[in-house]
């Protein structure tokens, strides 16, 4: 399977500013667009020196970002599901804000 170049969007990454954490709900100035790390992330574009595309980010505070990036809880399915749910929450916010759309005007 040939890899497609990951989608990059400054608008998506910038949208994290001022948002609450999609995992714990904390709202502070540490929330960033954190790229999914976990089971199956290679299928989303992750590779050597490469993060998954910007469609697969979760708005996470520094504490939650560190938790997911450090693999402190291991790389088990529960951790991956928690991160994926935060990504889904973030995608919902991006859709409602009009940052990602279906392309129709």
PDB file of N, CA and C in Angstrom:
ATOM      1  N   UNK A   1       0.847  -1.189   0.000  1.00  0.00           N
ATOM      2  CA  UNK A   1       0.000   0.000   0.000  1.00  0.00           C
ATOM      3  C   UNK A   1       0.887   1.245   0.000  1.00  0.00           C
ATOM      4  N   UNK A   2       0.693   2.099  -0.974  1.00  0.00           N
ATOM      5  CA  UNK A   2       1.479   3.315  -1.083  1.00  0.00           C
ATOM      6  C   UNK A   2       0.962   4.362  -0.107  1.00  0.00           C
ATOM      7  N   UNK A   3       1.887   5.004   0.582  1.00  0.00           N
ATOM      8  CA  UNK A   3       1.495   6.049   1.533  1.00  0.00           C
ATOM      9  C   UNK A   3       1.109   7.321   0.811  1.00  0.00           C
ATOM     10  N   UNK A   4       0.043   7.934   1.303  1.00  0.00           N
ATOM     11  CA  UNK A   4      -0.367   9.239   0.796  1.00  0.00           C
ATOM     12  C   UNK A   4       0.278  10.295   1.680  1.00  0.00           C
ATOM     13  N   UNK A   5       0.604  11.442   1.119  1.00  0.00           N
ATOM     14  CA  UNK A   5       1.152  12.493   1.969  1.00  0.00           C
ATOM     15  C   UNK A   5       0.107  12.930   2.999  1.00  0.00           C
ATOM     16  N   UNK A   6       0.522  13.136   4.248  1.00  0.00           N
ATOM     17  CA  UNK A   6      -0.445  13.537   5.271  1.00  0.00           C
ATOM     18  C   UNK A   6      -0.997  14.937   5.009  1.00  0.00           C
ATOM     19  N   UNK A   7      -2.249  15.122   5.376  1.00  0.00           N
ATOM     20  CA  UNK A   7      -2.891  16.435   5.240  1.00  0.00           C
ATOM     21  C   UNK A   7      -2.360  17.346   6.340  1.00  0.00           C
ATOM     22  N   UNK A   8      -1.954  18.522   5.972  1.00  0.00           N
ATOM     23  CA  UNK A   8      -1.473  19.521   6.936  1.00  0.00           C
ATOM     24  C   UNK A   8      -2.375  20.746   6.838  1.00  0.00           C
ATOM     25  N   UNK A   9      -2.791  21.268   7.988  1.00  0.00           N
ATOM     26  CA  UNK A   9      -3.671  22.434   8.015  1.00  0.00           C
ATOM     27  C   UNK A   9      -3.335  23.317   9.203  1.00  0.00           C
ATOM     28  N   UNK A  10      -2.810  24.481   8.906  1.00  0.00           N
ATOM     29  CA  UNK A  10      -2.519  25.448   9.968  1.00  0.00           C
ATOM     30  C   UNK A  10      -3.805  25.863  10.678  1.00  0.00           C
ATOM     31  N   UNK A  11      -4.917  25.946   9.934  1.00  0.00           N
ATOM     32  CA  UNK A  11      -6.199  26.315  10.544  1.00  0.00           C
ATOM     33  C   UNK A  11      -6.607  25.315  11.614  1.00  0.00           C
ATOM     34  N   UNK A  12      -6.419  24.023  11.343  1.00  0.00           N
ATOM     35  CA  UNK A  12      -6.754  23.002  12.341  1.00  0.00           C
ATOM     36  C   UNK A  12      -5.849  23.148  13.552  1.00  0.00           C
ATOM     37  N   UNK A  13      -4.560  23.264  13.332  1.00  0.00           N
ATOM     38  CA  UNK A  13      -3.623  23.364  14.462  1.00  0.00           C
ATOM     39  C   UNK A  13      -3.882  24.628  15.283  1.00  0.00           C
ATOM     40  N   UNK A  14      -4.164  25.734  14.619  1.00  0.00           N
ATOM     41  CA  UNK A  14      -4.406  26.998  15.329  1.00  0.00           C
ATOM     42  C   UNK A  14      -5.714  26.982  16.120  1.00  0.00           C
ATOM     43  N   UNK A  15      -6.659  26.151  15.701  1.00  0.00           N
ATOM     44  CA  UNK A  15      -7.979  26.121  16.356  1.00  0.00           C
ATOM     45  C   UNK A  15      -7.904  25.639  17.803  1.00  0.00           C
ATOM     46  N   UNK A  16      -6.813  25.014  18.199  1.00  0.00           N
ATOM     47  CA  UNK A  16      -6.673  24.518  19.574  1.00  0.00           C
ATOM     48  C   UNK A  16      -6.598  25.655  20.588  1.00  0.00           C
ATOM     49  N   UNK A  17      -6.141  26.806  20.160  1.00  0.00           N
ATOM     50  CA  UNK A  17      -5.975  27.936  21.068  1.00  0.00           C
ATOM     51  C   UNK A  17      -7.306  28.344  21.698  1.00  0.00           C
ATOM     52  N   UNK A  18      -7.349  28.338  23.013  1.00  0.00           N
ATOM     53  CA  UNK A  18      -8.545  28.734  23.738  1.00  0.00           C
ATOM     54  C   UNK A  18      -9.553  27.623  23.955  1.00  0.00           C
ATOM     55  N   UNK A  19      -9.307  26.444  23.381  1.00  0.00           N
ATOM     56  CA  UNK A  19     -10.217  25.306  23.523  1.00  0.00           C
ATOM     57  C   UNK A  19      -9.924  24.542  24.813  1.00  0.00           C
ATOM     58  N   UNK A  20     -10.928  23.877  25.375  1.00  0.00           N
ATOM     59  CA  UNK A  20     -10.669  22.983  26.507  1.00  0.00           C
ATOM     60  C   UNK A  20     -10.057  21.669  26.000  1.00  0.00           C
ATOM     61  N   UNK A  21      -9.354  20.988  26.865  1.00  0.00           N
ATOM     62  CA  UNK A  21      -8.767  19.692  26.543  1.00  0.00           C
ATOM     63  C   UNK A  21      -9.884  18.708  26.205  1.00  0.00           C
ATOM     64  N   UNK A  22      -9.721  17.982  25.108  1.00  0.00           N
ATOM     65  CA  UNK A  22     -10.734  17.016  24.678  1.00  0.00           C
ATOM     66  C   UNK A  22     -10.677  15.726  25.489  1.00  0.00           C
ATOM     67  N   UNK A  23      -9.703  15.608  26.374  1.00  0.00           N
ATOM     68  CA  UNK A  23      -9.604  14.405  27.211  1.00  0.00           C
ATOM     69  C   UNK A  23     -10.064  14.683  28.637  1.00  0.00           C
ATOM     70  N   UNK A  24      -9.528  15.732  29.260  1.00  0.00           N
ATOM     71  CA  UNK A  24      -9.861  15.982  30.675  1.00  0.00           C
ATOM     72  C   UNK A  24     -10.739  17.204  30.891  1.00  0.00           C
ATOM     73  N   UNK A  25     -10.880  18.052  29.867  1.00  0.00           N
ATOM     74  CA  UNK A  25     -11.715  19.241  29.984  1.00  0.00           C
ATOM     75  C   UNK A  25     -11.009  20.488  30.482  1.00  0.00           C
ATOM     76  N   UNK A  26      -9.754  20.362  30.873  1.00  0.00           N
ATOM     77  CA  UNK A  26      -8.995  21.520  31.358  1.00  0.00           C
ATOM     78  C   UNK A  26      -8.936  22.586  30.272  1.00  0.00           C
ATOM     79  N   UNK A  27      -9.124  23.831  30.681  1.00  0.00           N
ATOM     80  CA  UNK A  27      -9.044  24.941  29.737  1.00  0.00           C
ATOM     81  C   UNK A  27      -7.968  25.884  30.233  1.00  0.00           C
ATOM     82  N   UNK A  28      -6.802  25.777  29.618  1.00  0.00           N
ATOM     83  CA  UNK A  28      -5.698  26.668  29.973  1.00  0.00           C
ATOM     84  C   UNK A  28      -4.883  26.960  28.717  1.00  0.00           C
ATOM     85  N   UNK A  29      -3.818  27.686  28.870  1.00  0.00           N
ATOM     86  CA  UNK A  29      -3.047  28.094  27.689  1.00  0.00           C
ATOM     87  C   UNK A  29      -2.074  27.016  27.202  1.00  0.00           C
ATOM     88  N   UNK A  30      -2.196  25.782  27.724  1.00  0.00           N
ATOM     89  CA  UNK A  30      -1.309  24.710  27.273  1.00  0.00           C
ATOM     90  C   UNK A  30      -1.963  23.805  26.232  1.00  0.00           C
ATOM     91  N   UNK A  31      -3.231  24.028  25.895  1.00  0.00           N
ATOM     92  CA  UNK A  31      -3.936  23.150  24.956  1.00  0.00           C
ATOM     93  C   UNK A  31      -3.382  23.342  23.540  1.00  0.00           C
ATOM     94  N   UNK A  32      -3.006  22.217  22.927  1.00  0.00           N
ATOM     95  CA  UNK A  32      -2.466  22.214  21.570  1.00  0.00           C
ATOM     96  C   UNK A  32      -3.127  21.090  20.772  1.00  0.00           C
ATOM     97  N   UNK A  33      -2.907  21.119  19.470  1.00  0.00           N
ATOM     98  CA  UNK A  33      -3.372  20.047  18.590  1.00  0.00           C
ATOM     99  C   UNK A  33      -2.322  18.938  18.628  1.00  0.00           C
ATOM    100  N   UNK A  34      -2.621  17.861  19.351  1.00  0.00           N
ATOM    101  CA  UNK A  34      -1.693  16.743  19.525  1.00  0.00           C
ATOM    102  C   UNK A  34      -2.041  15.633  18.541  1.00  0.00           C
ATOM    103  N   UNK A  35      -1.068  15.193  17.769  1.00  0.00           N
ATOM    104  CA  UNK A  35      -1.282  14.157  16.761  1.00  0.00           C
ATOM    105  C   UNK A  35      -1.420  12.791  17.422  1.00  0.00           C
ATOM    106  N   UNK A  36      -2.379  12.014  16.906  1.00  0.00           N
ATOM    107  CA  UNK A  36      -2.675  10.688  17.446  1.00  0.00           C
ATOM    108  C   UNK A  36      -1.430   9.807  17.497  1.00  0.00           C
ATOM    109  N   UNK A  37      -1.224   9.194  18.650  1.00  0.00           N
ATOM    110  CA  UNK A  37      -0.168   8.209  18.862  1.00  0.00           C
ATOM    111  C   UNK A  37      -0.851   6.974  19.417  1.00  0.00           C
ATOM    112  N   UNK A  38      -0.689   5.871  18.808  1.00  0.00           N
ATOM    113  CA  UNK A  38      -1.290   4.663  19.339  1.00  0.00           C
ATOM    114  C   UNK A  38      -1.458   3.607  18.280  1.00  0.00           C
ATOM    115  N   UNK A  39      -2.188   2.586  18.636  1.00  0.00           N
ATOM    116  CA  UNK A  39      -2.423   1.458  17.750  1.00  0.00           C
ATOM    117  C   UNK A  39      -2.988   1.957  16.422  1.00  0.00           C
ATOM    118  N   UNK A  40      -2.376   1.540  15.340  1.00  0.00           N
ATOM    119  CA  UNK A  40      -2.848   1.905  14.008  1.00  0.00           C
ATOM    120  C   UNK A  40      -2.389   3.252  13.504  1.00  0.00           C
ATOM    121  N   UNK A  41      -1.561   3.966  14.261  1.00  0.00           N
ATOM    122  CA  UNK A  41      -1.172   5.314  13.835  1.00  0.00           C
ATOM    123  C   UNK A  41      -0.358   5.306  12.537  1.00  0.00           C
ATOM    124  N   UNK A  42       0.333   4.209  12.239  1.00  0.00           N
ATOM    125  CA  UNK A  42       1.073   4.132  10.972  1.00  0.00           C
ATOM    126  C   UNK A  42       0.119   4.192   9.783  1.00  0.00           C
ATOM    127  N   UNK A  43      -1.087   3.677   9.952  1.00  0.00           N
ATOM    128  CA  UNK A  43      -2.073   3.727   8.863  1.00  0.00           C
ATOM    129  C   UNK A  43      -2.592   5.138   8.645  1.00  0.00           C
ATOM    130  N   UNK A  44      -2.334   6.034   9.595  1.00  0.00           N
ATOM    131  CA  UNK A  44      -2.787   7.426   9.497  1.00  0.00           C
ATOM    132  C   UNK A  44      -1.648   8.356   9.085  1.00  0.00           C
ATOM    133  N   UNK A  45      -0.506   7.780   8.711  1.00  0.00           N
ATOM    134  CA  UNK A  45       0.603   8.591   8.220  1.00  0.00           C
ATOM    135  C   UNK A  45       1.812   8.644   9.123  1.00  0.00           C
ATOM    136  N   UNK A  46       1.725   8.094  10.337  1.00  0.00           N
ATOM    137  CA  UNK A  46       2.864   8.144  11.250  1.00  0.00           C
ATOM    138  C   UNK A  46       3.970   7.236  10.730  1.00  0.00           C
ATOM    139  N   UNK A  47       5.186   7.747  10.808  1.00  0.00           N
ATOM    140  CA  UNK A  47       6.358   6.988  10.395  1.00  0.00           C
ATOM    141  C   UNK A  47       7.592   7.629  10.973  1.00  0.00           C
ATOM    142  N   UNK A  48       8.721   7.232  10.492  1.00  0.00           N
ATOM    143  CA  UNK A  48       9.976   7.812  10.990  1.00  0.00           C
ATOM    144  C   UNK A  48       9.994   9.309  10.768  1.00  0.00           C
ATOM    145  N   UNK A  49      10.013  10.050  11.843  1.00  0.00           N
ATOM    146  CA  UNK A  49      10.048  11.502  11.754  1.00  0.00           C
ATOM    147  C   UNK A  49       8.791  12.119  11.169  1.00  0.00           C
ATOM    148  N   UNK A  50       7.723  11.361  11.094  1.00  0.00           N
ATOM    149  CA  UNK A  50       6.485  11.830  10.469  1.00  0.00           C
ATOM    150  C   UNK A  50       5.312  11.622  11.423  1.00  0.00           C
ATOM    151  N   UNK A  51       4.557  12.665  11.653  1.00  0.00           N
ATOM    152  CA  UNK A  51       3.343  12.566  12.463  1.00  0.00           C
ATOM    153  C   UNK A  51       2.168  12.222  11.562  1.00  0.00           C
ATOM    154  N   UNK A  52       1.099  11.674  12.137  1.00  0.00           N
ATOM    155  CA  UNK A  52      -0.112  11.499  11.329  1.00  0.00           C
ATOM    156  C   UNK A  52      -0.603  12.851  10.816  1.00  0.00           C
ATOM    157  N   UNK A  53      -1.482  12.838   9.838  1.00  0.00           N
ATOM    158  CA  UNK A  53      -2.035  14.069   9.298  1.00  0.00           C
ATOM    159  C   UNK A  53      -2.793  14.872  10.340  1.00  0.00           C
ATOM    160  N   UNK A  54      -3.016  16.140  10.044  1.00  0.00           N
ATOM    161  CA  UNK A  54      -3.670  17.058  10.983  1.00  0.00           C
ATOM    162  C   UNK A  54      -5.149  16.752  11.199  1.00  0.00           C
ATOM    163  N   UNK A  55      -5.748  15.890  10.380  1.00  0.00           N
ATOM    164  CA  UNK A  55      -7.125  15.469  10.653  1.00  0.00           C
ATOM    165  C   UNK A  55      -7.187  14.568  11.884  1.00  0.00           C
ATOM    166  N   UNK A  56      -6.044  14.031  12.292  1.00  0.00           N
ATOM    167  CA  UNK A  56      -5.994  13.079  13.396  1.00  0.00           C
ATOM    168  C   UNK A  56      -5.324  13.694  14.618  1.00  0.00           C
ATOM    169  N   UNK A  57      -5.808  14.883  15.002  1.00  0.00           N
ATOM    170  CA  UNK A  57      -5.307  15.549  16.203  1.00  0.00           C
ATOM    171  C   UNK A  57      -6.406  15.597  17.252  1.00  0.00           C
ATOM    172  N   UNK A  58      -5.956  15.708  18.483  1.00  0.00           N
ATOM    173  CA  UNK A  58      -6.864  15.951  19.604  1.00  0.00           C
ATOM    174  C   UNK A  58      -6.381  17.203  20.302  1.00  0.00           C
ATOM    175  N   UNK A  59      -7.309  18.056  20.694  1.00  0.00           N
ATOM    176  CA  UNK A  59      -6.941  19.233  21.472  1.00  0.00           C
ATOM    177  C   UNK A  59      -6.656  18.761  22.893  1.00  0.00           C
ATOM    178  N   UNK A  60      -5.376  18.773  23.278  1.00  0.00           N
ATOM    179  CA  UNK A  60      -4.968  18.255  24.582  1.00  0.00           C
ATOM    180  C   UNK A  60      -4.171  19.281  25.361  1.00  0.00           C
ATOM    181  N   UNK A  61      -4.402  19.316  26.676  1.00  0.00           N
ATOM    182  CA  UNK A  61      -3.591  20.142  27.567  1.00  0.00           C
ATOM    183  C   UNK A  61      -2.219  19.469  27.719  1.00  0.00           C
ATOM    184  N   UNK A  62      -1.268  20.171  28.293  1.00  0.00           N
ATOM    185  CA  UNK A  62       0.088  19.625  28.400  1.00  0.00           C
ATOM    186  C   UNK A  62       0.120  18.339  29.216  1.00  0.00           C
ATOM    187  N   UNK A  63      -0.692  18.254  30.257  1.00  0.00           N
ATOM    188  CA  UNK A  63      -0.692  17.047  31.093  1.00  0.00           C
ATOM    189  C   UNK A  63      -1.182  15.830  30.291  1.00  0.00           C
ATOM    190  N   UNK A  64      -2.288  15.979  29.567  1.00  0.00           N
ATOM    191  CA  UNK A  64      -2.811  14.859  28.778  1.00  0.00           C
ATOM    192  C   UNK A  64      -1.902  14.552  27.587  1.00  0.00           C
ATOM    193  N   UNK A  65      -1.350  15.586  26.970  1.00  0.00           N
ATOM    194  CA  UNK A  65      -0.418  15.390  25.854  1.00  0.00           C
ATOM    195  C   UNK A  65       0.785  14.572  26.321  1.00  0.00           C
ATOM    196  N   UNK A  66       1.348  14.938  27.461  1.00  0.00           N
ATOM    197  CA  UNK A  66       2.475  14.185  28.019  1.00  0.00           C
ATOM    198  C   UNK A  66       2.082  12.744  28.321  1.00  0.00           C
ATOM    199  N   UNK A  67       0.885  12.549  28.869  1.00  0.00           N
ATOM    200  CA  UNK A  67       0.400  11.200  29.189  1.00  0.00           C
ATOM    201  C   UNK A  67       0.365  10.320  27.943  1.00  0.00           C
ATOM    202  N   UNK A  68      -0.211  10.843  26.850  1.00  0.00           N
ATOM    203  CA  UNK A  68      -0.318  10.037  25.641  1.00  0.00           C
ATOM    204  C   UNK A  68       1.022   9.889  24.925  1.00  0.00           C
ATOM    205  N   UNK A  69       1.843  10.929  24.900  1.00  0.00           N
ATOM    206  CA  UNK A  69       3.128  10.856  24.198  1.00  0.00           C
ATOM    207  C   UNK A  69       4.166  10.027  24.938  1.00  0.00           C
ATOM    208  N   UNK A  70       4.070   9.945  26.259  1.00  0.00           N
ATOM    209  CA  UNK A  70       5.097   9.239  27.027  1.00  0.00           C
ATOM    210  C   UNK A  70       4.839   7.744  27.108  1.00  0.00           C
ATOM    211  N   UNK A  71       3.663   7.312  26.697  1.00  0.00           N
ATOM    212  CA  UNK A  71       3.271   5.913  26.824  1.00  0.00           C
ATOM    213  C   UNK A  71       3.364   5.458  28.278  1.00  0.00           C
ATOM    214  N   UNK A  72       3.121   6.389  29.209  1.00  0.00           N
ATOM    215  CA  UNK A  72       3.196   6.080  30.641  1.00  0.00           C
ATOM    216  C   UNK A  72       2.262   4.934  31.013  1.00  0.00           C
ATOM    217  N   UNK A  73       1.147   4.828  30.323  1.00  0.00           N
ATOM    218  CA  UNK A  73       0.201   3.751  30.606  1.00  0.00           C
ATOM    219  C   UNK A  73       0.380   2.591  29.631  1.00  0.00           C
ATOM    220  N   UNK A  74       1.494   2.579  28.909  1.00  0.00           N
ATOM    221  CA  UNK A  74       1.717   1.533  27.915  1.00  0.00           C
ATOM    222  C   UNK A  74       1.065   1.906  26.594  1.00  0.00           C
ATOM    223  N   UNK A  75       1.080   0.972  25.674  1.00  0.00           N
ATOM    224  CA  UNK A  75       0.481   1.196  24.357  1.00  0.00           C
ATOM    225  C   UNK A  75      -0.620   0.162  24.150  1.00  0.00           C
ATOM    226  N   UNK A  76      -1.528   0.125  25.094  1.00  0.00           N
ATOM    227  CA  UNK A  76      -2.580  -0.878  25.050  1.00  0.00           C
ATOM    228  C   UNK A  76      -3.841  -0.331  24.376  1.00  0.00           C
ATOM    229  N   UNK A  77      -4.784  -1.200  24.058  1.00  0.00           N
ATOM    230  CA  UNK A  77      -6.005  -0.747  23.369  1.00  0.00           C
ATOM    231  C   UNK A  77      -6.786   0.317  24.137  1.00  0.00           C
ATOM    232  N   UNK A  78      -6.851   0.242  25.455  1.00  0.00           N
ATOM    233  CA  UNK A  78      -7.608   1.232  26.225  1.00  0.00           C
ATOM    234  C   UNK A  78      -7.033   2.632  26.049  1.00  0.00           C
ATOM    235  N   UNK A  79      -5.718   2.760  26.083  1.00  0.00           N
ATOM    236  CA  UNK A  79      -5.058   4.038  25.884  1.00  0.00           C
ATOM    237  C   UNK A  79      -5.343   4.564  24.476  1.00  0.00           C
ATOM    238  N   UNK A  80      -5.237   3.678  23.483  1.00  0.00           N
ATOM    239  CA  UNK A  80      -5.494   4.086  22.105  1.00  0.00           C
ATOM    240  C   UNK A  80      -6.943   4.544  21.933  1.00  0.00           C
ATOM    241  N   UNK A  81      -7.874   3.846  22.577  1.00  0.00           N
ATOM    242  CA  UNK A  81      -9.287   4.237  22.497  1.00  0.00           C
ATOM    243  C   UNK A  81      -9.502   5.592  23.149  1.00  0.00           C
ATOM    244  N   UNK A  82      -8.882   5.842  24.301  1.00  0.00           N
ATOM    245  CA  UNK A  82      -9.000   7.150  24.961  1.00  0.00           C
ATOM    246  C   UNK A  82      -8.502   8.268  24.049  1.00  0.00           C
ATOM    247  N   UNK A  83      -7.363   8.038  23.398  1.00  0.00           N
ATOM    248  CA  UNK A  83      -6.814   9.054  22.507  1.00  0.00           C
ATOM    249  C   UNK A  83      -7.737   9.229  21.298  1.00  0.00           C
ATOM    250  N   UNK A  84      -8.208   8.122  20.726  1.00  0.00           N
ATOM    251  CA  UNK A  84      -9.095   8.206  19.558  1.00  0.00           C
ATOM    252  C   UNK A  84     -10.386   8.948  19.885  1.00  0.00           C
ATOM    253  N   UNK A  85     -10.929   8.720  21.064  1.00  0.00           N
ATOM    254  CA  UNK A  85     -12.147   9.437  21.461  1.00  0.00           C
ATOM    255  C   UNK A  85     -11.884  10.941  21.571  1.00  0.00           C
ATOM    256  N   UNK A  86     -10.698  11.311  22.044  1.00  0.00           N
ATOM    257  CA  UNK A  86     -10.339  12.731  22.099  1.00  0.00           C
ATOM    258  C   UNK A  86     -10.212  13.300  20.681  1.00  0.00           C
ATOM    259  N   UNK A  87      -9.697  12.499  19.748  1.00  0.00           N
ATOM    260  CA  UNK A  87      -9.619  12.925  18.344  1.00  0.00           C
ATOM    261  C   UNK A  87     -11.031  13.133  17.791  1.00  0.00           C
ATOM    262  N   UNK A  88     -11.944  12.204  18.071  1.00  0.00           N
ATOM    263  CA  UNK A  88     -13.321  12.336  17.581  1.00  0.00           C
ATOM    264  C   UNK A  88     -13.992  13.580  18.147  1.00  0.00           C
ATOM    265  N   UNK A  89     -13.787  13.835  19.425  1.00  0.00           N
ATOM    266  CA  UNK A  89     -14.335  15.042  20.065  1.00  0.00           C
ATOM    267  C   UNK A  89     -13.805  16.287  19.357  1.00  0.00           C
ATOM    268  N   UNK A  90     -12.512  16.275  19.054  1.00  0.00           N
ATOM    269  CA  UNK A  90     -11.887  17.410  18.380  1.00  0.00           C
ATOM    270  C   UNK A  90     -12.445  17.572  16.973  1.00  0.00           C
ATOM    271  N   UNK A  91     -12.620  16.476  16.242  1.00  0.00           N
ATOM    272  CA  UNK A  91     -13.193  16.563  14.898  1.00  0.00           C
ATOM    273  C   UNK A  91     -14.600  17.144  14.944  1.00  0.00           C
ATOM    274  N   UNK A  92     -15.375  16.765  15.944  1.00  0.00           N
ATOM    275  CA  UNK A  92     -16.720  17.318  16.100  1.00  0.00           C
ATOM    276  C   UNK A  92     -16.651  18.829  16.309  1.00  0.00           C
ATOM    277  N   UNK A  93     -15.746  19.279  17.150  1.00  0.00           N
ATOM    278  CA  UNK A  93     -15.594  20.734  17.374  1.00  0.00           C
ATOM    279  C   UNK A  93     -15.172  21.442  16.095  1.00  0.00           C
ATOM    280  N   UNK A  94     -14.232  20.847  15.361  1.00  0.00           N
ATOM    281  CA  UNK A  94     -13.754  21.458  14.117  1.00  0.00           C
ATOM    282  C   UNK A  94     -14.875  21.555  13.085  1.00  0.00           C
ATOM    283  N   UNK A  95     -15.706  20.535  13.023  1.00  0.00           N
ATOM    284  CA  UNK A  95     -16.851  20.546  12.103  1.00  0.00           C
ATOM    285  C   UNK A  95     -17.818  21.653  12.495  1.00  0.00           C
ATOM    286  N   UNK A  96     -18.179  21.706  13.769  1.00  0.00           N
ATOM    287  CA  UNK A  96     -19.155  22.706  14.236  1.00  0.00           C
ATOM    288  C   UNK A  96     -18.631  24.130  14.069  1.00  0.00           C
ATOM    289  N   UNK A  97     -17.308  24.296  14.123  1.00  0.00           N
ATOM    290  CA  UNK A  97     -16.697  25.620  13.939  1.00  0.00           C
ATOM    291  C   UNK A  97     -16.525  25.954  12.458  1.00  0.00           C
ATOM    292  N   UNK A  98     -16.834  25.013  11.569  1.00  0.00           N
ATOM    293  CA  UNK A  98     -16.696  25.256  10.142  1.00  0.00           C
ATOM    294  C   UNK A  98     -15.273  25.176   9.626  1.00  0.00           C
ATOM    295  N   UNK A  99     -14.371  24.612  10.419  1.00  0.00           N
ATOM    296  CA  UNK A  99     -12.961  24.510  10.002  1.00  0.00           C
ATOM    297  C   UNK A  99     -12.774  23.300   9.088  1.00  0.00           C
ATOM    298  N   UNK A 100     -13.462  22.197   9.382  1.00  0.00           N
ATOM    299  CA  UNK A 100     -13.544  21.095   8.430  1.00  0.00           C
ATOM    300  C   UNK A 100     -14.997  21.014   7.971  1.00  0.00           C
ATOM    301  N   UNK A 101     -15.171  20.772   6.666  1.00  0.00           N
ATOM    302  CA  UNK A 101     -16.522  20.764   6.102  1.00  0.00           C
ATOM    303  C   UNK A 101     -16.643  19.622   5.089  1.00  0.00           C
ATOM    304  N   UNK A 102     -17.832  19.487   4.550  1.00  0.00           N
ATOM    305  CA  UNK A 102     -18.041  18.488   3.504  1.00  0.00           C
ATOM    306  C   UNK A 102     -17.763  19.073   2.111  1.00  0.00           C
ATOM    307  N   UNK A 103     -17.332  20.319   2.063  1.00  0.00           N
ATOM    308  CA  UNK A 103     -16.990  20.947   0.801  1.00  0.00           C
ATOM    309  C   UNK A 103     -18.122  21.663   0.096  1.00  0.00           C
ATOM    310  N   UNK A 104     -19.334  21.452   0.590  1.00  0.00           N
ATOM    311  CA  UNK A 104     -20.467  22.153  -0.029  1.00  0.00           C
ATOM    312  C   UNK A 104     -20.557  23.569   0.512  1.00  0.00           C
ATOM    313  N   UNK A 105     -21.019  24.452  -0.309  1.00  0.00           N
ATOM    314  CA  UNK A 105     -21.143  25.856   0.135  1.00  0.00           C
ATOM    315  C   UNK A 105     -22.552  26.145   0.568  1.00  0.00           C
TER     316      UNK A 105
END
